Amino acid sequence: MADGVVAKIAGQAAREALPAPSGAPPHATVTVHHDIARVRVSLELDYPSDLAAQCAAVRQRVTLRVEECAEMSVPEVDIDIEHLHSTQTRLGAGRDRRLR
């Protein structure tokens, strides 16, 4: 199976593992060698939040989905957190900020 196909499976699995979209959707890159897939997922997450728990959920879901759909072993899923989005900033962005 091609690297790009497995990367699409991994990217979709990462989206499924996250509670809500916090920015750009996760992006996965994969290197396949025989029946082994090494996966790297780039994420944007909300902060403050339990970053370790979210990364663990992504690793678990990506591993499960790639093993099920591509029938490949996934010995590692590397996570890159590209951006953290402040939930306070996002909540305040919708407020009316007119000066009086």
PDB file of N, CA and C in Angstrom:
ATOM      1  N   MET A   1       0.849  -1.171   0.000  1.00  0.00           N
ATOM      2  CA  MET A   1       0.000   0.000   0.000  1.00  0.00           C
ATOM      3  C   MET A   1       0.896   1.235   0.000  1.00  0.00           C
ATOM      4  N   ALA A   2       0.509   2.250  -0.737  1.00  0.00           N
ATOM      5  CA  ALA A   2       1.313   3.467  -0.887  1.00  0.00           C
ATOM      6  C   ALA A   2       1.329   4.301   0.397  1.00  0.00           C
ATOM      7  N   ASP A   3       2.439   5.012   0.594  1.00  0.00           N
ATOM      8  CA  ASP A   3       2.587   5.871   1.768  1.00  0.00           C
ATOM      9  C   ASP A   3       1.437   6.879   1.881  1.00  0.00           C
ATOM     10  N   GLY A   4       1.049   7.468   0.749  1.00  0.00           N
ATOM     11  CA  GLY A   4       0.002   8.491   0.754  1.00  0.00           C
ATOM     12  C   GLY A   4      -1.352   7.963   1.211  1.00  0.00           C
ATOM     13  N   VAL A   5      -1.658   6.736   0.845  1.00  0.00           N
ATOM     14  CA  VAL A   5      -2.931   6.123   1.257  1.00  0.00           C
ATOM     15  C   VAL A   5      -2.931   5.906   2.764  1.00  0.00           C
ATOM     16  N   VAL A   6      -1.835   5.397   3.285  1.00  0.00           N
ATOM     17  CA  VAL A   6      -1.735   5.161   4.721  1.00  0.00           C
ATOM     18  C   VAL A   6      -1.747   6.491   5.471  1.00  0.00           C
ATOM     19  N   ALA A   7      -1.132   7.526   4.895  1.00  0.00           N
ATOM     20  CA  ALA A   7      -1.146   8.850   5.521  1.00  0.00           C
ATOM     21  C   ALA A   7      -2.571   9.398   5.616  1.00  0.00           C
ATOM     22  N   LYS A   8      -3.401   9.169   4.601  1.00  0.00           N
ATOM     23  CA  LYS A   8      -4.796   9.613   4.655  1.00  0.00           C
ATOM     24  C   LYS A   8      -5.556   8.888   5.761  1.00  0.00           C
ATOM     25  N   ILE A   9      -5.321   7.599   5.891  1.00  0.00           N
ATOM     26  CA  ILE A   9      -5.957   6.828   6.963  1.00  0.00           C
ATOM     27  C   ILE A   9      -5.530   7.389   8.321  1.00  0.00           C
ATOM     28  N   ALA A  10      -4.236   7.636   8.485  1.00  0.00           N
ATOM     29  CA  ALA A  10      -3.714   8.151   9.749  1.00  0.00           C
ATOM     30  C   ALA A  10      -4.250   9.549  10.057  1.00  0.00           C
ATOM     31  N   GLY A  11      -4.324  10.410   9.046  1.00  0.00           N
ATOM     32  CA  GLY A  11      -4.850  11.759   9.249  1.00  0.00           C
ATOM     33  C   GLY A  11      -6.304  11.756   9.678  1.00  0.00           C
ATOM     34  N   GLN A  12      -7.103  10.915   9.039  1.00  0.00           N
ATOM     35  CA  GLN A  12      -8.519  10.806   9.412  1.00  0.00           C
ATOM     36  C   GLN A  12      -8.655  10.253  10.824  1.00  0.00           C
ATOM     37  N   ALA A  13      -7.849   9.277  11.165  1.00  0.00           N
ATOM     38  CA  ALA A  13      -7.893   8.710  12.516  1.00  0.00           C
ATOM     39  C   ALA A  13      -7.528   9.760  13.564  1.00  0.00           C
ATOM     40  N   ALA A  14      -6.542  10.590  13.261  1.00  0.00           N
ATOM     41  CA  ALA A  14      -6.160  11.658  14.196  1.00  0.00           C
ATOM     42  C   ALA A  14      -7.312  12.637  14.390  1.00  0.00           C
ATOM     43  N   ARG A  15      -8.020  12.994  13.310  1.00  0.00           N
ATOM     44  CA  ARG A  15      -9.188  13.887  13.424  1.00  0.00           C
ATOM     45  C   ARG A  15     -10.253  13.258  14.312  1.00  0.00           C
ATOM     46  N   GLU A  16     -10.474  11.966  14.143  1.00  0.00           N
ATOM     47  CA  GLU A  16     -11.484  11.260  14.934  1.00  0.00           C
ATOM     48  C   GLU A  16     -11.125  11.239  16.416  1.00  0.00           C
ATOM     49  N   ALA A  17      -9.843  11.231  16.742  1.00  0.00           N
ATOM     50  CA  ALA A  17      -9.394  11.121  18.133  1.00  0.00           C
ATOM     51  C   ALA A  17      -9.501  12.426  18.905  1.00  0.00           C
ATOM     52  N   LEU A  18      -9.539  13.550  18.193  1.00  0.00           N
ATOM     53  CA  LEU A  18      -9.572  14.848  18.864  1.00  0.00           C
ATOM     54  C   LEU A  18     -11.009  15.254  19.179  1.00  0.00           C
ATOM     55  N   PRO A  19     -11.230  15.905  20.326  1.00  0.00           N
ATOM     56  CA  PRO A  19     -12.586  16.235  20.748  1.00  0.00           C
ATOM     57  C   PRO A  19     -13.298  17.236  19.835  1.00  0.00           C
ATOM     58  N   ALA A  20     -12.590  18.232  19.340  1.00  0.00           N
ATOM     59  CA  ALA A  20     -13.190  19.236  18.473  1.00  0.00           C
ATOM     60  C   ALA A  20     -12.078  19.901  17.681  1.00  0.00           C
ATOM     61  N   PRO A  21     -12.407  20.390  16.497  1.00  0.00           N
ATOM     62  CA  PRO A  21     -11.368  21.068  15.707  1.00  0.00           C
ATOM     63  C   PRO A  21     -10.890  22.335  16.410  1.00  0.00           C
ATOM     64  N   SER A  22      -9.584  22.479  16.561  1.00  0.00           N
ATOM     65  CA  SER A  22      -9.041  23.650  17.237  1.00  0.00           C
ATOM     66  C   SER A  22      -8.213  24.511  16.290  1.00  0.00           C
ATOM     67  N   GLY A  23      -8.123  24.133  15.077  1.00  0.00           N
ATOM     68  CA  GLY A  23      -7.320  24.864  14.100  1.00  0.00           C
ATOM     69  C   GLY A  23      -7.314  24.072  12.818  1.00  0.00           C
ATOM     70  N   ALA A  24      -6.170  24.025  12.185  1.00  0.00           N
ATOM     71  CA  ALA A  24      -6.040  23.244  10.963  1.00  0.00           C
ATOM     72  C   ALA A  24      -6.205  21.754  11.301  1.00  0.00           C
ATOM     73  N   PRO A  25      -6.755  20.991  10.383  1.00  0.00           N
ATOM     74  CA  PRO A  25      -6.895  19.550  10.661  1.00  0.00           C
ATOM     75  C   PRO A  25      -5.524  18.891  10.781  1.00  0.00           C
ATOM     76  N   PRO A  26      -5.457  17.782  11.507  1.00  0.00           N
ATOM     77  CA  PRO A  26      -4.181  17.072  11.629  1.00  0.00           C
ATOM     78  C   PRO A  26      -3.643  16.655  10.262  1.00  0.00           C
ATOM     79  N   HIS A  27      -2.332  16.643  10.164  1.00  0.00           N
ATOM     80  CA  HIS A  27      -1.665  16.237   8.925  1.00  0.00           C
ATOM     81  C   HIS A  27      -0.726  15.080   9.266  1.00  0.00           C
ATOM     82  N   ALA A  28      -0.815  14.009   8.510  1.00  0.00           N
ATOM     83  CA  ALA A  28       0.023  12.831   8.766  1.00  0.00           C
ATOM     84  C   ALA A  28       0.963  12.580   7.602  1.00  0.00           C
ATOM     85  N   THR A  29       2.167  12.171   7.935  1.00  0.00           N
ATOM     86  CA  THR A  29       3.115  11.664   6.943  1.00  0.00           C
ATOM     87  C   THR A  29       3.500  10.257   7.391  1.00  0.00           C
ATOM     88  N   VAL A  30       3.708   9.394   6.418  1.00  0.00           N
ATOM     89  CA  VAL A  30       3.960   7.988   6.708  1.00  0.00           C
ATOM     90  C   VAL A  30       5.094   7.473   5.846  1.00  0.00           C
ATOM     91  N   THR A  31       5.911   6.644   6.429  1.00  0.00           N
ATOM     92  CA  THR A  31       6.920   5.901   5.698  1.00  0.00           C
ATOM     93  C   THR A  31       6.602   4.422   5.869  1.00  0.00           C
ATOM     94  N   VAL A  32       6.384   3.747   4.743  1.00  0.00           N
ATOM     95  CA  VAL A  32       6.038   2.333   4.763  1.00  0.00           C
ATOM     96  C   VAL A  32       7.241   1.517   4.298  1.00  0.00           C
ATOM     97  N   HIS A  33       7.557   0.498   5.052  1.00  0.00           N
ATOM     98  CA  HIS A  33       8.619  -0.445   4.670  1.00  0.00           C
ATOM     99  C   HIS A  33       8.076  -1.840   4.916  1.00  0.00           C
ATOM    100  N   HIS A  34       7.832  -2.577   3.832  1.00  0.00           N
ATOM    101  CA  HIS A  34       7.187  -3.893   3.879  1.00  0.00           C
ATOM    102  C   HIS A  34       5.809  -3.739   4.519  1.00  0.00           C
ATOM    103  N   ASP A  35       5.583  -4.321   5.678  1.00  0.00           N
ATOM    104  CA  ASP A  35       4.274  -4.201   6.326  1.00  0.00           C
ATOM    105  C   ASP A  35       4.360  -3.400   7.618  1.00  0.00           C
ATOM    106  N   ILE A  36       5.321  -2.476   7.675  1.00  0.00           N
ATOM    107  CA  ILE A  36       5.513  -1.615   8.852  1.00  0.00           C
ATOM    108  C   ILE A  36       5.337  -0.161   8.435  1.00  0.00           C
ATOM    109  N   ALA A  37       4.500   0.557   9.173  1.00  0.00           N
ATOM    110  CA  ALA A  37       4.248   1.975   8.896  1.00  0.00           C
ATOM    111  C   ALA A  37       4.765   2.819  10.056  1.00  0.00           C
ATOM    112  N   ARG A  38       5.621   3.767   9.742  1.00  0.00           N
ATOM    113  CA  ARG A  38       6.081   4.739  10.741  1.00  0.00           C
ATOM    114  C   ARG A  38       5.336   6.026  10.455  1.00  0.00           C
ATOM    115  N   VAL A  39       4.652   6.549  11.469  1.00  0.00           N
ATOM    116  CA  VAL A  39       3.712   7.647  11.282  1.00  0.00           C
ATOM    117  C   VAL A  39       4.156   8.868  12.072  1.00  0.00           C
ATOM    118  N   ARG A  40       4.003  10.043  11.459  1.00  0.00           N
ATOM    119  CA  ARG A  40       4.222  11.332  12.129  1.00  0.00           C
ATOM    120  C   ARG A  40       2.963  12.162  11.890  1.00  0.00           C
ATOM    121  N   VAL A  41       2.394  12.685  12.979  1.00  0.00           N
ATOM    122  CA  VAL A  41       1.169  13.477  12.895  1.00  0.00           C
ATOM    123  C   VAL A  41       1.447  14.872  13.436  1.00  0.00           C
ATOM    124  N   SER A  42       1.070  15.889  12.672  1.00  0.00           N
ATOM    125  CA  SER A  42       1.178  17.286  13.109  1.00  0.00           C
ATOM    126  C   SER A  42      -0.202  17.762  13.542  1.00  0.00           C
ATOM    127  N   LEU A  43      -0.251  18.383  14.730  1.00  0.00           N
ATOM    128  CA  LEU A  43      -1.521  18.805  15.321  1.00  0.00           C
ATOM    129  C   LEU A  43      -1.504  20.268  15.728  1.00  0.00           C
ATOM    130  N   GLU A  44      -2.696  20.844  15.802  1.00  0.00           N
ATOM    131  CA  GLU A  44      -2.926  22.117  16.468  1.00  0.00           C
ATOM    132  C   GLU A  44      -3.925  21.828  17.576  1.00  0.00           C
ATOM    133  N   LEU A  45      -3.583  22.210  18.811  1.00  0.00           N
ATOM    134  CA  LEU A  45      -4.416  21.876  19.961  1.00  0.00           C
ATOM    135  C   LEU A  45      -4.784  23.116  20.753  1.00  0.00           C
ATOM    136  N   ASP A  46      -5.884  22.999  21.503  1.00  0.00           N
ATOM    137  CA  ASP A  46      -6.283  24.072  22.414  1.00  0.00           C
ATOM    138  C   ASP A  46      -5.418  24.025  23.666  1.00  0.00           C
ATOM    139  N   TYR A  47      -5.220  25.213  24.254  1.00  0.00           N
ATOM    140  CA  TYR A  47      -4.486  25.315  25.495  1.00  0.00           C
ATOM    141  C   TYR A  47      -5.199  26.310  26.385  1.00  0.00           C
ATOM    142  N   PRO A  48      -5.395  26.098  27.634  1.00  0.00           N
ATOM    143  CA  PRO A  48      -4.929  24.949  28.390  1.00  0.00           C
ATOM    144  C   PRO A  48      -5.820  23.737  28.158  1.00  0.00           C
ATOM    145  N   SER A  49      -5.201  22.590  28.127  1.00  0.00           N
ATOM    146  CA  SER A  49      -5.892  21.308  28.030  1.00  0.00           C
ATOM    147  C   SER A  49      -4.869  20.232  28.384  1.00  0.00           C
ATOM    148  N   ASP A  50      -5.319  19.026  28.479  1.00  0.00           N
ATOM    149  CA  ASP A  50      -4.431  17.919  28.788  1.00  0.00           C
ATOM    150  C   ASP A  50      -3.776  17.452  27.484  1.00  0.00           C
ATOM    151  N   LEU A  51      -2.653  18.075  27.158  1.00  0.00           N
ATOM    152  CA  LEU A  51      -1.968  17.797  25.897  1.00  0.00           C
ATOM    153  C   LEU A  51      -1.506  16.341  25.817  1.00  0.00           C
ATOM    154  N   ALA A  52      -0.998  15.822  26.922  1.00  0.00           N
ATOM    155  CA  ALA A  52      -0.513  14.437  26.924  1.00  0.00           C
ATOM    156  C   ALA A  52      -1.644  13.460  26.639  1.00  0.00           C
ATOM    157  N   ALA A  53      -2.809  13.702  27.227  1.00  0.00           N
ATOM    158  CA  ALA A  53      -3.954  12.807  27.001  1.00  0.00           C
ATOM    159  C   ALA A  53      -4.423  12.874  25.553  1.00  0.00           C
ATOM    160  N   GLN A  54      -4.434  14.078  24.976  1.00  0.00           N
ATOM    161  CA  GLN A  54      -4.852  14.210  23.582  1.00  0.00           C
ATOM    162  C   GLN A  54      -3.863  13.511  22.652  1.00  0.00           C
ATOM    163  N   CYS A  55      -2.573  13.659  22.917  1.00  0.00           N
ATOM    164  CA  CYS A  55      -1.557  12.993  22.096  1.00  0.00           C
ATOM    165  C   CYS A  55      -1.664  11.472  22.234  1.00  0.00           C
ATOM    166  N   ALA A  56      -1.912  11.002  23.442  1.00  0.00           N
ATOM    167  CA  ALA A  56      -2.066   9.555  23.658  1.00  0.00           C
ATOM    168  C   ALA A  56      -3.284   9.022  22.908  1.00  0.00           C
ATOM    169  N   ALA A  57      -4.379   9.780  22.918  1.00  0.00           N
ATOM    170  CA  ALA A  57      -5.589   9.360  22.199  1.00  0.00           C
ATOM    171  C   ALA A  57      -5.330   9.306  20.696  1.00  0.00           C
ATOM    172  N   VAL A  58      -4.590  10.277  20.183  1.00  0.00           N
ATOM    173  CA  VAL A  58      -4.256  10.288  18.753  1.00  0.00           C
ATOM    174  C   VAL A  58      -3.375   9.080  18.421  1.00  0.00           C
ATOM    175  N   ARG A  59      -2.358   8.844  19.219  1.00  0.00           N
ATOM    176  CA  ARG A  59      -1.474   7.686  18.973  1.00  0.00           C
ATOM    177  C   ARG A  59      -2.267   6.382  18.951  1.00  0.00           C
ATOM    178  N   GLN A  60      -3.137   6.211  19.924  1.00  0.00           N
ATOM    179  CA  GLN A  60      -3.913   4.981  20.032  1.00  0.00           C
ATOM    180  C   GLN A  60      -4.844   4.809  18.836  1.00  0.00           C
ATOM    181  N   ARG A  61      -5.557   5.876  18.466  1.00  0.00           N
ATOM    182  CA  ARG A  61      -6.521   5.790  17.363  1.00  0.00           C
ATOM    183  C   ARG A  61      -5.810   5.560  16.029  1.00  0.00           C
ATOM    184  N   VAL A  62      -4.713   6.278  15.796  1.00  0.00           N
ATOM    185  CA  VAL A  62      -3.964   6.125  14.543  1.00  0.00           C
ATOM    186  C   VAL A  62      -3.419   4.702  14.431  1.00  0.00           C
ATOM    187  N   THR A  63      -2.845   4.193  15.505  1.00  0.00           N
ATOM    188  CA  THR A  63      -2.308   2.836  15.485  1.00  0.00           C
ATOM    189  C   THR A  63      -3.405   1.824  15.164  1.00  0.00           C
ATOM    190  N   LEU A  64      -4.525   1.940  15.852  1.00  0.00           N
ATOM    191  CA  LEU A  64      -5.637   1.017  15.647  1.00  0.00           C
ATOM    192  C   LEU A  64      -6.158   1.059  14.212  1.00  0.00           C
ATOM    193  N   ARG A  65      -6.413   2.266  13.684  1.00  0.00           N
ATOM    194  CA  ARG A  65      -6.993   2.403  12.345  1.00  0.00           C
ATOM    195  C   ARG A  65      -6.036   1.938  11.251  1.00  0.00           C
ATOM    196  N   VAL A  66      -4.756   2.265  11.370  1.00  0.00           N
ATOM    197  CA  VAL A  66      -3.793   1.838  10.343  1.00  0.00           C
ATOM    198  C   VAL A  66      -3.639   0.314  10.386  1.00  0.00           C
ATOM    199  N   GLU A  67      -3.596  -0.259  11.581  1.00  0.00           N
ATOM    200  CA  GLU A  67      -3.488  -1.705  11.675  1.00  0.00           C
ATOM    201  C   GLU A  67      -4.729  -2.383  11.098  1.00  0.00           C
ATOM    202  N   GLU A  68      -5.927  -1.823  11.352  1.00  0.00           N
ATOM    203  CA  GLU A  68      -7.167  -2.403  10.832  1.00  0.00           C
ATOM    204  C   GLU A  68      -7.317  -2.218   9.323  1.00  0.00           C
ATOM    205  N   CYS A  69      -7.141  -0.986   8.866  1.00  0.00           N
ATOM    206  CA  CYS A  69      -7.443  -0.664   7.463  1.00  0.00           C
ATOM    207  C   CYS A  69      -6.324  -1.033   6.494  1.00  0.00           C
ATOM    208  N   ALA A  70      -5.090  -0.852   6.914  1.00  0.00           N
ATOM    209  CA  ALA A  70      -3.961  -1.104   6.016  1.00  0.00           C
ATOM    210  C   ALA A  70      -3.269  -2.428   6.313  1.00  0.00           C
ATOM    211  N   GLU A  71      -3.674  -3.068   7.387  1.00  0.00           N
ATOM    212  CA  GLU A  71      -3.067  -4.334   7.796  1.00  0.00           C
ATOM    213  C   GLU A  71      -1.551  -4.219   7.911  1.00  0.00           C
ATOM    214  N   MET A  72      -1.122  -3.143   8.588  1.00  0.00           N
ATOM    215  CA  MET A  72       0.300  -2.889   8.811  1.00  0.00           C
ATOM    216  C   MET A  72       0.568  -2.731  10.285  1.00  0.00           C
ATOM    217  N   SER A  73       1.766  -3.083  10.686  1.00  0.00           N
ATOM    218  CA  SER A  73       2.212  -2.853  12.048  1.00  0.00           C
ATOM    219  C   SER A  73       2.630  -1.387  12.189  1.00  0.00           C
ATOM    220  N   VAL A  74       2.301  -0.782  13.326  1.00  0.00           N
ATOM    221  CA  VAL A  74       2.655   0.618  13.585  1.00  0.00           C
ATOM    222  C   VAL A  74       3.454   0.662  14.886  1.00  0.00           C
ATOM    223  N   PRO A  75       4.788   0.572  14.791  1.00  0.00           N
ATOM    224  CA  PRO A  75       5.599   0.553  16.006  1.00  0.00           C
ATOM    225  C   PRO A  75       5.699   1.905  16.708  1.00  0.00           C
ATOM    226  N   GLU A  76       5.464   2.986  15.961  1.00  0.00           N
ATOM    227  CA  GLU A  76       5.556   4.313  16.580  1.00  0.00           C
ATOM    228  C   GLU A  76       4.693   5.313  15.837  1.00  0.00           C
ATOM    229  N   VAL A  77       4.144   6.238  16.612  1.00  0.00           N
ATOM    230  CA  VAL A  77       3.421   7.385  16.055  1.00  0.00           C
ATOM    231  C   VAL A  77       4.022   8.612  16.726  1.00  0.00           C
ATOM    232  N   ASP A  78       4.780   9.384  15.967  1.00  0.00           N
ATOM    233  CA  ASP A  78       5.372  10.621  16.491  1.00  0.00           C
ATOM    234  C   ASP A  78       4.361  11.736  16.351  1.00  0.00           C
ATOM    235  N   ILE A  79       4.267  12.574  17.379  1.00  0.00           N
ATOM    236  CA  ILE A  79       3.336  13.695  17.380  1.00  0.00           C
ATOM    237  C   ILE A  79       4.127  14.993  17.402  1.00  0.00           C
ATOM    238  N   ASP A  80       3.816  15.893  16.484  1.00  0.00           N
ATOM    239  CA  ASP A  80       4.357  17.255  16.475  1.00  0.00           C
ATOM    240  C   ASP A  80       3.202  18.195  16.760  1.00  0.00           C
ATOM    241  N   ILE A  81       3.293  18.953  17.854  1.00  0.00           N
ATOM    242  CA  ILE A  81       2.279  19.974  18.124  1.00  0.00           C
ATOM    243  C   ILE A  81       2.774  21.248  17.469  1.00  0.00           C
ATOM    244  N   GLU A  82       2.131  21.609  16.366  1.00  0.00           N
ATOM    245  CA  GLU A  82       2.565  22.752  15.568  1.00  0.00           C
ATOM    246  C   GLU A  82       2.158  24.088  16.189  1.00  0.00           C
ATOM    247  N   HIS A  83       0.930  24.142  16.735  1.00  0.00           N
ATOM    248  CA  HIS A  83       0.413  25.382  17.333  1.00  0.00           C
ATOM    249  C   HIS A  83      -0.466  25.046  18.521  1.00  0.00           C
ATOM    250  N   LEU A  84      -0.433  25.934  19.504  1.00  0.00           N
ATOM    251  CA  LEU A  84      -1.374  25.866  20.615  1.00  0.00           C
ATOM    252  C   LEU A  84      -2.298  27.073  20.502  1.00  0.00           C
ATOM    253  N   HIS A  85      -3.591  26.821  20.607  1.00  0.00           N
ATOM    254  CA  HIS A  85      -4.581  27.894  20.517  1.00  0.00           C
ATOM    255  C   HIS A  85      -5.162  28.142  21.895  1.00  0.00           C
ATOM    256  N   SER A  86      -5.068  29.367  22.370  1.00  0.00           N
ATOM    257  CA  SER A  86      -5.613  29.720  23.670  1.00  0.00           C
ATOM    258  C   SER A  86      -7.128  29.709  23.612  1.00  0.00           C
ATOM    259  N   THR A  87      -7.756  28.949  24.480  1.00  0.00           N
ATOM    260  CA  THR A  87      -9.223  28.917  24.515  1.00  0.00           C
ATOM    261  C   THR A  87      -9.761  30.254  24.998  1.00  0.00           C
ATOM    262  N   GLN A  88      -9.043  30.943  25.870  1.00  0.00           N
ATOM    263  CA  GLN A  88      -9.489  32.249  26.350  1.00  0.00           C
ATOM    264  C   GLN A  88      -9.476  33.275  25.231  1.00  0.00           C
ATOM    265  N   THR A  89      -8.456  33.269  24.406  1.00  0.00           N
ATOM    266  CA  THR A  89      -8.375  34.207  23.289  1.00  0.00           C
ATOM    267  C   THR A  89      -9.499  33.946  22.293  1.00  0.00           C
ATOM    268  N   ARG A  90      -9.739  32.658  22.020  1.00  0.00           N
ATOM    269  CA  ARG A  90     -10.779  32.320  21.059  1.00  0.00           C
ATOM    270  C   ARG A  90     -12.162  32.704  21.581  1.00  0.00           C
ATOM    271  N   LEU A  91     -12.424  32.470  22.872  1.00  0.00           N
ATOM    272  CA  LEU A  91     -13.711  32.824  23.452  1.00  0.00           C
ATOM    273  C   LEU A  91     -13.902  34.338  23.465  1.00  0.00           C
ATOM    274  N   GLY A  92     -12.827  35.086  23.701  1.00  0.00           N
ATOM    275  CA  GLY A  92     -12.907  36.537  23.729  1.00  0.00           C
ATOM    276  C   GLY A  92     -12.973  37.169  22.358  1.00  0.00           C
ATOM    277  N   ALA A  93     -12.636  36.425  21.313  1.00  0.00           N
ATOM    278  CA  ALA A  93     -12.605  36.975  19.954  1.00  0.00           C
ATOM    279  C   ALA A  93     -13.998  37.352  19.468  1.00  0.00           C
ATOM    280  N   GLY A  94     -15.028  36.700  19.985  1.00  0.00           N
ATOM    281  CA  GLY A  94     -16.378  36.987  19.531  1.00  0.00           C
ATOM    282  C   GLY A  94     -17.031  38.155  20.245  1.00  0.00           C
ATOM    283  N   ARG A  95     -16.384  38.718  21.243  1.00  0.00           N
ATOM    284  CA  ARG A  95     -16.964  39.826  22.000  1.00  0.00           C
ATOM    285  C   ARG A  95     -16.890  41.126  21.225  1.00  0.00           C
ATOM    286  N   ASP A  96     -17.808  41.996  21.511  1.00  0.00           N
ATOM    287  CA  ASP A  96     -17.820  43.326  20.910  1.00  0.00           C
ATOM    288  C   ASP A  96     -16.758  44.179  21.611  1.00  0.00           C
ATOM    289  N   ARG A  97     -15.798  44.660  20.876  1.00  0.00           N
ATOM    290  CA  ARG A  97     -14.676  45.397  21.469  1.00  0.00           C
ATOM    291  C   ARG A  97     -14.687  46.869  21.056  1.00  0.00           C
ATOM    292  N   ARG A  98     -15.842  47.465  20.946  1.00  0.00           N
ATOM    293  CA  ARG A  98     -15.905  48.878  20.584  1.00  0.00           C
ATOM    294  C   ARG A  98     -15.438  49.765  21.731  1.00  0.00           C
ATOM    295  N   LEU A  99     -14.747  50.795  21.372  1.00  0.00           N
ATOM    296  CA  LEU A  99     -14.336  51.787  22.373  1.00  0.00           C
ATOM    297  C   LEU A  99     -15.442  52.809  22.548  1.00  0.00           C
ATOM    298  N   ARG A 100     -15.659  53.239  23.742  1.00  0.00           N
ATOM    299  CA  ARG A 100     -16.736  54.230  23.984  1.00  0.00           C
ATOM    300  C   ARG A 100     -16.149  55.516  24.426  1.00  0.00           C
TER     301      ARG A 100
END
